[in-house]
Amino acid sequence: MVAVTSRRARLRRALIWSISAVVIAAVAAVTFHLLTGAPAAAWLRPVQERLPRYLVPPHSAADLLPVALTAVAAVSFLIGAGCRLAVRLRSRPPAPEEIEDRPPEGSASGRGALLQRASTWGLAFGLLLATGTLVYTDARSLETSQEEQSLDKYAQAVRQLGSEKIEVRLSAIHTLRRLAQDSQRDRVTTVDVMAAYVREHESMSTARPLGQPATDVQMALTVLGSVYDAPNAELGHGWVCSCDLARIRVPGADLSGLNLGTAVLTRANLRGAHLSGANLAHTDLSGTDLHGASLDGADLRNAILFMADLSEAGLNDADLSGVDLFEADLRNADLRSADLSGVDLFNADLRGADLRGVNLIGASLSGADLREADLRGAILRGADLKGTNLKGADLTGANLTRANLTGAKTDDETELPAGALGT
């Protein structure tokens, strides 16, 4: 009788191990198909249809973590369930004929406690991993949903930009602005779309009175100057606009206080534009028409104004340090108290310009035309004035220490500090 009972016990244990092996093999097969993306067998397809989307191949890089957590959680649950089953089987009261075959009480209780702990920890760990996976996948699902909504809004806004109704176009521009502000990833694309919109719209033909650009073009420019697409710590701003706005025609545009640092505005028409307080540092304004533009207090550090038209422009208190003004037109421009230190003004036209109190330390004015210019109180220490035309210019109180006045042209109306031509 004892032999029969022992045989039954062995069969029971073999059955348990066989079932466990089958379950583990099934879990391993499913995990293999999910991780490798191998073609699923016919029996596995119904299972895949009921699984969360992140568990079905092909997997993206973001899906690898939840897939791994799910696999580990499943193994932990299996281990915990197996240990729990073993504990229940061991806790079954033995038959009288089995008592002789049971191991000593001490070793049996030790193995039982170990199985109990393994069961508890396995189930707890599996539950923890499963919870973490659910939280992670919910967050991923929300993020994916938001991305899909953003893409839909972006596509719709781009389509609306081609509408003939200005109300629809304005709504599209506002939508693109919100998308750029909410998503750092979408800023570059939004800025490119807005820049293309401004470039391709002939605002002069639809201009409003007083030379102002169309409302939608003005709004697009405002978006470009308030949503930035490239980090640049050198300029002191978190983001700057490095968009391509070459040859745009927006006379009278209001760009006051906007951030257009590093933008390309070559040969643009900005006549009479309002740029007071704007950030134009490192901006390319070569050949740009800024006649009569208001640039008071603007930041133009290291900007390129090669052959630009700044005649009658207002540049009071503007920062023009390091600017390239080679052959620029600055006739009758207001440059009072502006910073022009180190500026290249070679062959620049400064006839009648107001340069009172301007900082021209180390500036290159070789060959510049300063006829009738007002340079009272200007700081010209170390400036190069070789061959400069100073006829009719007023330099009363100007600081010309170490300035090079070789070949400078003067006349009876030129006002120079005492002994200036002797330095």
Protein backbone atom coordinates (compact mmCIF):
# COMPACT_ATOMS: atom_id res chain seq x y z
CA MET A 1 0.00 0.00 0.00
CA VAL A 2 2.87 2.36 0.81
CA ALA A 3 4.41 1.72 -2.63
CA VAL A 4 1.13 2.51 -4.35
CA THR A 5 0.81 5.78 -2.43
CA SER A 6 4.36 6.80 -3.21
CA ARG A 7 3.69 6.05 -6.86
CA ARG A 8 0.60 8.28 -6.76
CA ALA A 9 2.55 11.08 -5.13
CA ARG A 10 5.24 10.83 -7.79
CA LEU A 11 2.60 10.87 -10.56
CA ARG A 12 0.96 13.91 -9.01
CA ARG A 13 4.27 15.77 -8.87
CA ALA A 14 5.07 14.76 -12.44
CA LEU A 15 1.68 16.04 -13.57
CA ILE A 16 2.25 19.36 -11.82
CA TRP A 17 5.70 19.77 -13.39
CA SER A 18 4.34 18.80 -16.80
CA ILE A 19 1.57 21.37 -16.62
CA SER A 20 4.06 24.00 -15.43
CA ALA A 21 6.41 23.18 -18.29
CA VAL A 22 3.60 23.49 -20.84
CA VAL A 23 2.50 26.86 -19.42
CA ILE A 24 6.08 28.16 -19.35
CA ALA A 25 6.65 26.95 -22.92
CA ALA A 26 3.45 28.69 -24.08
CA VAL A 27 4.44 31.94 -22.37
CA ALA A 28 7.94 31.69 -23.88
CA ALA A 29 6.49 31.12 -27.36
CA VAL A 30 4.15 34.09 -27.08
CA THR A 31 6.97 36.27 -25.73
CA PHE A 32 9.26 35.17 -28.58
CA HIS A 33 6.68 36.12 -31.20
CA LEU A 34 5.96 39.45 -29.53
CA LEU A 35 9.60 40.46 -29.11
CA THR A 36 10.96 39.25 -32.45
CA GLY A 37 7.97 40.03 -34.63
CA ALA A 38 8.13 36.54 -36.12
CA PRO A 39 5.06 35.41 -38.10
CA ALA A 40 2.40 34.30 -35.65
CA ALA A 41 0.99 30.80 -35.77
CA ALA A 42 -2.70 30.31 -36.44
CA TRP A 43 -3.43 29.57 -32.79
CA LEU A 44 -1.68 32.81 -31.71
CA ARG A 45 -3.56 35.22 -33.99
CA PRO A 46 -6.76 35.30 -31.87
CA VAL A 47 -4.58 36.04 -28.85
CA GLN A 48 -2.86 38.94 -30.62
CA GLU A 49 -6.20 40.45 -31.56
CA ARG A 50 -7.09 40.78 -27.87
CA LEU A 51 -3.73 42.13 -26.71
CA PRO A 52 -2.92 45.83 -26.17
CA ARG A 53 -1.48 47.51 -29.26
CA TYR A 54 2.01 47.94 -27.77
CA LEU A 55 2.33 44.15 -27.37
CA VAL A 56 1.68 43.41 -31.04
CA PRO A 57 4.72 43.57 -33.37
CA PRO A 58 6.33 45.43 -34.98
CA HIS A 59 7.52 47.28 -31.89
CA SER A 60 8.88 50.80 -31.71
CA ALA A 61 11.70 51.73 -29.35
CA ALA A 62 9.13 53.18 -26.94
CA ASP A 63 7.29 49.83 -26.82
CA LEU A 64 10.28 47.76 -25.66
CA LEU A 65 10.00 48.81 -22.02
CA PRO A 66 6.29 47.95 -21.55
CA VAL A 67 6.78 44.66 -23.45
CA ALA A 68 9.68 43.70 -21.20
CA LEU A 69 7.74 44.70 -18.08
CA THR A 70 4.76 42.63 -19.23
CA ALA A 71 6.95 39.57 -19.83
CA VAL A 72 8.65 39.86 -16.43
CA ALA A 73 5.28 40.40 -14.73
CA ALA A 74 3.89 37.24 -16.40
CA VAL A 75 6.90 35.17 -15.26
CA SER A 76 6.56 36.56 -11.73
CA PHE A 77 2.88 35.64 -11.63
CA LEU A 78 3.66 32.12 -12.85
CA ILE A 79 6.35 31.64 -10.23
CA GLY A 80 4.07 32.98 -7.52
CA ALA A 81 1.13 30.83 -8.64
CA GLY A 82 3.35 27.72 -8.88
CA CYS A 83 4.73 28.24 -5.40
CA ARG A 84 1.23 28.88 -4.05
CA LEU A 85 0.01 25.60 -5.59
CA ALA A 86 2.98 23.74 -4.14
CA VAL A 87 2.27 25.18 -0.69
CA ARG A 88 -1.37 24.08 -0.86
CA LEU A 89 -0.39 20.57 -1.92
CA ARG A 90 2.16 20.31 0.88
CA SER A 91 -0.37 21.55 3.44
CA ARG A 92 -2.83 18.74 2.57
CA PRO A 93 -3.23 16.33 5.53
CA PRO A 94 -1.32 13.11 4.72
CA ALA A 95 -2.97 9.73 4.57
CA PRO A 96 -1.91 7.27 7.29
CA GLU A 97 0.06 5.20 4.83
CA GLU A 98 1.98 8.33 3.62
CA ILE A 99 3.30 9.32 7.00
CA GLU A 100 6.32 7.02 6.73
CA ASP A 101 7.35 8.56 3.39
CA ARG A 102 7.16 12.19 4.47
CA PRO A 103 10.44 14.00 5.17
CA PRO A 104 11.35 15.12 8.68
CA GLU A 105 9.20 17.87 10.10
CA GLY A 106 12.02 20.44 10.28
CA SER A 107 13.07 20.18 6.65
CA ALA A 108 9.43 20.09 5.46
CA SER A 109 8.52 23.24 7.37
CA GLY A 110 11.64 24.98 6.07
CA ARG A 111 10.79 24.21 2.45
CA GLY A 112 7.17 25.21 3.07
CA ALA A 113 8.20 28.60 4.45
CA LEU A 114 10.53 29.14 1.49
CA LEU A 115 7.75 28.31 -0.96
CA GLN A 116 5.36 30.60 0.91
CA ARG A 117 7.80 33.52 0.69
CA ALA A 118 8.52 32.84 -2.99
CA SER A 119 4.79 32.76 -3.68
CA THR A 120 4.14 36.03 -1.86
CA TRP A 121 7.06 37.87 -3.42
CA GLY A 122 6.31 36.51 -6.89
CA LEU A 123 2.70 37.61 -6.80
CA ALA A 124 3.53 40.99 -5.25
CA PHE A 125 6.34 41.66 -7.74
CA GLY A 126 4.16 40.61 -10.66
CA LEU A 127 1.34 42.86 -9.46
CA LEU A 128 3.74 45.79 -9.08
CA LEU A 129 5.14 45.29 -12.58
CA ALA A 130 1.67 44.91 -14.08
CA THR A 131 0.54 48.15 -12.41
CA GLY A 132 3.62 49.99 -13.64
CA THR A 133 3.04 48.68 -17.15
CA LEU A 134 -0.56 49.87 -17.13
CA VAL A 135 0.43 53.34 -15.92
CA TYR A 136 3.19 53.59 -18.52
CA THR A 137 0.99 52.41 -21.38
CA ASP A 138 -1.80 54.80 -20.36
CA ALA A 139 0.68 57.67 -20.47
CA ARG A 140 1.99 56.48 -23.83
CA SER A 141 -1.53 56.16 -25.18
CA LEU A 142 -2.35 59.69 -24.04
CA GLU A 143 0.86 61.03 -25.62
CA THR A 144 0.17 59.16 -28.86
CA SER A 145 -3.38 60.46 -28.92
CA GLN A 146 -2.16 64.02 -28.43
CA GLU A 147 0.42 63.59 -31.19
CA GLU A 148 -2.24 62.31 -33.57
CA GLN A 149 -4.51 65.23 -32.69
CA SER A 150 -1.63 67.68 -33.27
CA LEU A 151 -0.91 66.13 -36.66
CA ASP A 152 -4.57 66.41 -37.63
CA LYS A 153 -4.72 70.04 -36.51
CA TYR A 154 -1.47 70.83 -38.33
CA ALA A 155 -2.67 69.25 -41.59
CA GLN A 156 -6.00 71.06 -41.37
CA ALA A 157 -4.31 74.42 -40.62
CA VAL A 158 -1.95 74.06 -43.59
CA ARG A 159 -4.93 73.38 -45.86
CA GLN A 160 -6.76 76.41 -44.48
CA LEU A 161 -3.81 78.68 -45.30
CA GLY A 162 -4.80 78.31 -48.95
CA SER A 163 -8.33 79.52 -48.35
CA GLU A 164 -9.59 82.62 -50.13
CA LYS A 165 -11.26 83.86 -46.93
CA ILE A 166 -8.98 85.86 -44.67
CA GLU A 167 -10.91 84.74 -41.57
CA VAL A 168 -10.05 81.13 -42.33
CA ARG A 169 -6.38 81.98 -42.94
CA LEU A 170 -6.15 83.90 -39.65
CA SER A 171 -7.69 80.96 -37.79
CA ALA A 172 -5.10 78.65 -39.37
CA ILE A 173 -2.25 80.93 -38.30
CA HIS A 174 -3.55 81.02 -34.71
CA THR A 175 -3.77 77.20 -34.73
CA LEU A 176 -0.18 76.86 -35.94
CA ARG A 177 0.95 79.31 -33.28
CA ARG A 178 -0.68 77.25 -30.51
CA LEU A 179 0.84 74.05 -31.88
CA ALA A 180 4.31 75.61 -31.92
CA GLN A 181 3.93 76.89 -28.37
CA ASP A 182 2.65 73.55 -27.05
CA SER A 183 5.14 71.32 -28.87
CA GLN A 184 8.83 72.09 -29.09
CA ARG A 185 9.15 69.38 -31.74
CA ASP A 186 6.70 71.21 -34.03
CA ARG A 187 8.33 74.63 -33.80
CA VAL A 188 10.75 74.22 -36.69
CA THR A 189 8.01 72.98 -39.02
CA THR A 190 5.63 75.76 -37.96
CA VAL A 191 8.25 78.46 -38.47
CA ASP A 192 9.11 77.08 -41.92
CA VAL A 193 5.43 77.10 -42.92
CA MET A 194 4.92 80.66 -41.66
CA ALA A 195 8.08 81.90 -43.39
CA ALA A 196 7.01 80.30 -46.67
CA TYR A 197 3.56 81.86 -46.28
CA VAL A 198 5.05 85.35 -45.85
CA ARG A 199 7.48 84.88 -48.75
CA GLU A 200 4.84 83.69 -51.19
CA HIS A 201 2.15 86.29 -50.43
CA GLU A 202 2.51 89.53 -52.33
CA SER A 203 1.54 91.77 -49.45
CA MET A 204 2.18 94.93 -51.42
CA SER A 205 -0.60 94.14 -53.87
CA THR A 206 -3.07 93.62 -51.02
CA ALA A 207 -1.64 96.32 -48.78
CA ARG A 208 -3.85 98.34 -46.55
CA PRO A 209 -3.69 102.14 -46.34
CA LEU A 210 -0.45 103.77 -45.16
CA GLY A 211 1.65 100.98 -46.65
CA GLN A 212 0.85 98.37 -44.02
CA PRO A 213 0.94 94.66 -44.93
CA ALA A 214 -2.17 92.51 -45.11
CA THR A 215 -3.57 91.35 -41.77
CA ASP A 216 -2.74 87.68 -42.30
CA VAL A 217 0.85 88.46 -43.34
CA GLN A 218 1.28 90.71 -40.31
CA MET A 219 -0.02 87.94 -38.06
CA ALA A 220 2.35 85.41 -39.61
CA LEU A 221 5.29 87.76 -38.98
CA THR A 222 4.19 88.14 -35.36
CA VAL A 223 4.17 84.36 -35.00
CA LEU A 224 7.68 84.15 -36.44
CA GLY A 225 8.94 86.74 -33.98
CA SER A 226 7.34 85.19 -30.92
CA VAL A 227 7.87 81.45 -31.49
CA TYR A 228 11.53 80.57 -31.77
CA ASP A 229 13.00 77.50 -33.41
CA ALA A 230 16.69 77.19 -32.55
CA PRO A 231 18.50 77.46 -29.18
CA ASN A 232 21.17 80.14 -29.06
CA ALA A 233 22.59 80.91 -25.64
CA GLU A 234 25.01 83.46 -27.14
CA LEU A 235 22.19 85.87 -27.83
CA GLY A 236 20.80 85.63 -24.33
CA HIS A 237 17.45 84.24 -25.49
CA GLY A 238 16.08 80.76 -25.01
CA TRP A 239 15.04 80.57 -28.67
CA VAL A 240 15.67 82.66 -31.76
CA CYS A 241 14.10 82.76 -35.19
CA SER A 242 16.53 81.57 -37.86
CA CYS A 243 13.86 81.56 -40.56
CA ASP A 244 14.34 82.44 -44.21
CA LEU A 245 12.54 85.70 -45.04
CA ALA A 246 14.72 86.79 -47.96
CA ARG A 247 13.13 89.26 -50.39
CA ILE A 248 9.85 89.57 -48.48
CA ARG A 249 7.85 92.74 -49.21
CA VAL A 250 6.21 94.01 -46.03
CA PRO A 251 6.61 97.83 -45.97
CA GLY A 252 5.18 99.36 -42.82
CA ALA A 253 5.10 96.03 -40.95
CA ASP A 254 4.95 96.19 -37.15
CA LEU A 255 7.79 94.04 -35.81
CA SER A 256 8.36 96.00 -32.61
CA GLY A 257 9.84 93.93 -29.80
CA LEU A 258 9.89 90.72 -31.83
CA ASN A 259 12.75 88.24 -31.74
CA LEU A 260 14.11 87.75 -35.27
CA GLY A 261 17.69 86.99 -34.30
CA THR A 262 19.73 85.11 -36.96
CA ALA A 263 16.89 85.43 -39.50
CA VAL A 264 17.69 85.90 -43.19
CA LEU A 265 16.16 89.15 -44.46
CA THR A 266 18.40 89.85 -47.43
CA ARG A 267 16.97 92.31 -49.98
CA ALA A 268 13.70 92.51 -48.05
CA ASN A 269 11.43 95.53 -48.38
CA LEU A 270 10.92 96.92 -44.89
CA ARG A 271 10.46 100.57 -45.75
CA GLY A 272 8.85 102.41 -42.86
CA ALA A 273 8.67 99.25 -40.78
CA HIS A 274 8.40 99.47 -36.99
CA LEU A 275 11.29 97.54 -35.43
CA SER A 276 11.74 99.41 -32.14
CA GLY A 277 13.20 97.15 -29.47
CA ALA A 278 13.37 94.20 -31.86
CA ASN A 279 16.07 91.57 -31.56
CA LEU A 280 17.95 91.50 -34.85
CA ALA A 281 21.28 90.27 -33.55
CA HIS A 282 23.25 88.27 -36.14
CA THR A 283 20.47 88.89 -38.67
CA ASP A 284 21.40 89.08 -42.36
CA LEU A 285 19.97 92.37 -43.69
CA SER A 286 22.23 92.70 -46.73
CA GLY A 287 20.72 95.01 -49.32
CA THR A 288 17.53 95.37 -47.26
CA ASP A 289 15.40 98.47 -47.77
CA LEU A 290 14.92 100.05 -44.32
CA HIS A 291 14.31 103.58 -45.52
CA GLY A 292 12.46 105.52 -42.83
CA ALA A 293 12.20 102.43 -40.60
CA SER A 294 11.99 102.85 -36.83
CA LEU A 295 14.80 100.89 -35.14
CA ASP A 296 15.06 102.83 -31.89
CA GLY A 297 16.52 100.65 -29.14
CA ALA A 298 16.82 97.66 -31.47
CA ASP A 299 19.47 95.00 -30.87
CA LEU A 300 21.52 94.78 -34.07
CA ARG A 301 24.73 93.34 -32.67
CA ASN A 302 26.87 91.65 -35.32
CA ALA A 303 24.11 92.01 -37.90
CA ILE A 304 25.02 92.21 -41.60
CA LEU A 305 23.79 95.46 -43.18
CA PHE A 306 26.04 95.37 -46.22
CA MET A 307 24.74 97.94 -48.75
CA ALA A 308 21.47 98.26 -46.78
CA ASP A 309 19.30 101.36 -47.20
CA LEU A 310 18.92 102.99 -43.77
CA SER A 311 18.33 106.50 -45.03
CA GLU A 312 16.15 108.56 -42.67
CA ALA A 313 15.86 105.54 -40.38
CA GLY A 314 15.52 106.00 -36.64
CA LEU A 315 18.32 104.22 -34.77
CA ASN A 316 18.29 106.17 -31.53
CA ASP A 317 19.92 104.12 -28.71
CA ALA A 318 20.22 101.09 -31.00
CA ASP A 319 23.02 98.59 -30.37
CA LEU A 320 25.00 98.34 -33.62
CA SER A 321 28.26 97.04 -32.18
CA GLY A 322 30.15 94.78 -34.56
CA VAL A 323 27.72 95.50 -37.44
CA ASP A 324 28.86 95.37 -41.07
CA LEU A 325 27.66 98.62 -42.69
CA PHE A 326 29.95 98.47 -45.71
CA GLU A 327 28.66 100.97 -48.30
CA ALA A 328 25.37 101.30 -46.39
CA ASP A 329 23.11 104.28 -47.03
CA LEU A 330 22.61 106.19 -43.76
CA ARG A 331 21.71 109.59 -45.12
CA ASN A 332 19.79 111.71 -42.59
CA ALA A 333 19.55 108.71 -40.25
CA ASP A 334 19.00 109.35 -36.54
CA LEU A 335 21.81 107.54 -34.69
CA ARG A 336 21.84 109.55 -31.47
CA SER A 337 23.48 107.72 -28.56
CA ALA A 338 23.74 104.55 -30.66
CA ASP A 339 26.54 102.05 -30.05
CA LEU A 340 28.64 101.76 -33.22
CA SER A 341 31.83 100.53 -31.61
CA GLY A 342 33.97 98.46 -33.95
CA VAL A 343 31.53 98.97 -36.84
CA ASP A 344 32.67 98.73 -40.47
CA LEU A 345 31.41 101.91 -42.22
CA PHE A 346 33.80 101.78 -45.15
CA ASN A 347 32.47 103.96 -47.97
CA ALA A 348 29.18 104.37 -46.09
CA ASP A 349 26.97 107.36 -46.92
CA LEU A 350 26.31 109.31 -43.70
CA ARG A 351 25.45 112.68 -45.18
CA GLY A 352 23.30 114.71 -42.79
CA ALA A 353 23.16 111.88 -40.26
CA ASP A 354 22.57 112.71 -36.61
CA LEU A 355 25.46 111.09 -34.74
CA ARG A 356 25.37 113.12 -31.53
CA GLY A 357 26.90 111.24 -28.61
CA VAL A 358 27.34 108.11 -30.68
CA ASN A 359 29.96 105.53 -29.66
CA LEU A 360 32.34 105.00 -32.60
CA ILE A 361 35.31 103.64 -30.67
CA GLY A 362 37.53 101.65 -33.02
CA ALA A 363 35.09 102.04 -35.91
CA SER A 364 36.26 102.00 -39.53
CA LEU A 365 35.02 105.12 -41.34
CA SER A 366 37.60 105.06 -44.12
CA GLY A 367 36.19 106.65 -47.25
CA ALA A 368 32.84 107.38 -45.58
CA ASP A 369 30.86 110.44 -46.59
CA LEU A 370 30.04 112.50 -43.47
CA ARG A 371 29.14 115.79 -45.14
CA GLU A 372 26.81 117.90 -43.00
CA ALA A 373 26.75 115.15 -40.36
CA ASP A 374 26.22 116.11 -36.71
CA LEU A 375 28.95 114.44 -34.63
CA ARG A 376 28.82 116.67 -31.56
CA GLY A 377 30.00 114.82 -28.49
CA ALA A 378 30.69 111.65 -30.48
CA ILE A 379 33.32 109.24 -29.15
CA LEU A 380 35.79 108.47 -31.95
CA ARG A 381 38.74 107.12 -29.95
CA GLY A 382 40.96 105.01 -32.19
CA ALA A 383 38.54 105.35 -35.12
CA ASP A 384 39.83 105.17 -38.69
CA LEU A 385 38.76 108.37 -40.50
CA LYS A 386 41.30 108.09 -43.28
CA GLY A 387 40.04 109.77 -46.44
CA THR A 388 36.69 110.57 -44.80
CA ASN A 389 34.71 113.49 -46.20
CA LEU A 390 34.01 115.81 -43.26
CA LYS A 391 32.95 118.89 -45.19
CA GLY A 392 30.33 120.80 -43.25
CA ALA A 393 30.40 118.22 -40.44
CA ASP A 394 30.13 119.37 -36.83
CA LEU A 395 32.51 117.52 -34.47
CA THR A 396 32.32 120.01 -31.60
CA GLY A 397 33.22 118.27 -28.33
CA ALA A 398 33.98 114.99 -30.13
CA ASN A 399 36.65 112.71 -28.66
CA LEU A 400 39.23 112.10 -31.40
CA THR A 401 41.98 110.59 -29.25
CA ARG A 402 44.27 108.41 -31.42
CA ALA A 403 41.82 108.76 -34.34
CA ASN A 404 43.37 108.52 -37.80
CA LEU A 405 42.40 111.62 -39.80
CA THR A 406 44.94 111.14 -42.57
CA GLY A 407 43.58 112.54 -45.82
CA ALA A 408 40.29 113.61 -44.23
CA LYS A 409 38.52 116.29 -46.27
CA THR A 410 37.36 119.40 -44.46
CA ASP A 411 36.21 122.91 -45.39
CA ASP A 412 35.54 126.22 -43.66
CA GLU A 413 32.24 124.94 -42.28
CA THR A 414 33.77 121.89 -40.65
CA GLU A 415 33.78 122.17 -36.85
CA LEU A 416 36.64 120.21 -35.23
CA PRO A 417 37.97 120.15 -31.65
CA ALA A 418 41.04 122.26 -31.12
CA GLY A 419 44.16 120.58 -32.51
CA ALA A 420 42.23 117.67 -33.97
CA LEU A 421 44.05 117.65 -37.30
CA GLY A 422 47.34 117.67 -35.43
CA THR A 423 46.73 114.40 -33.57
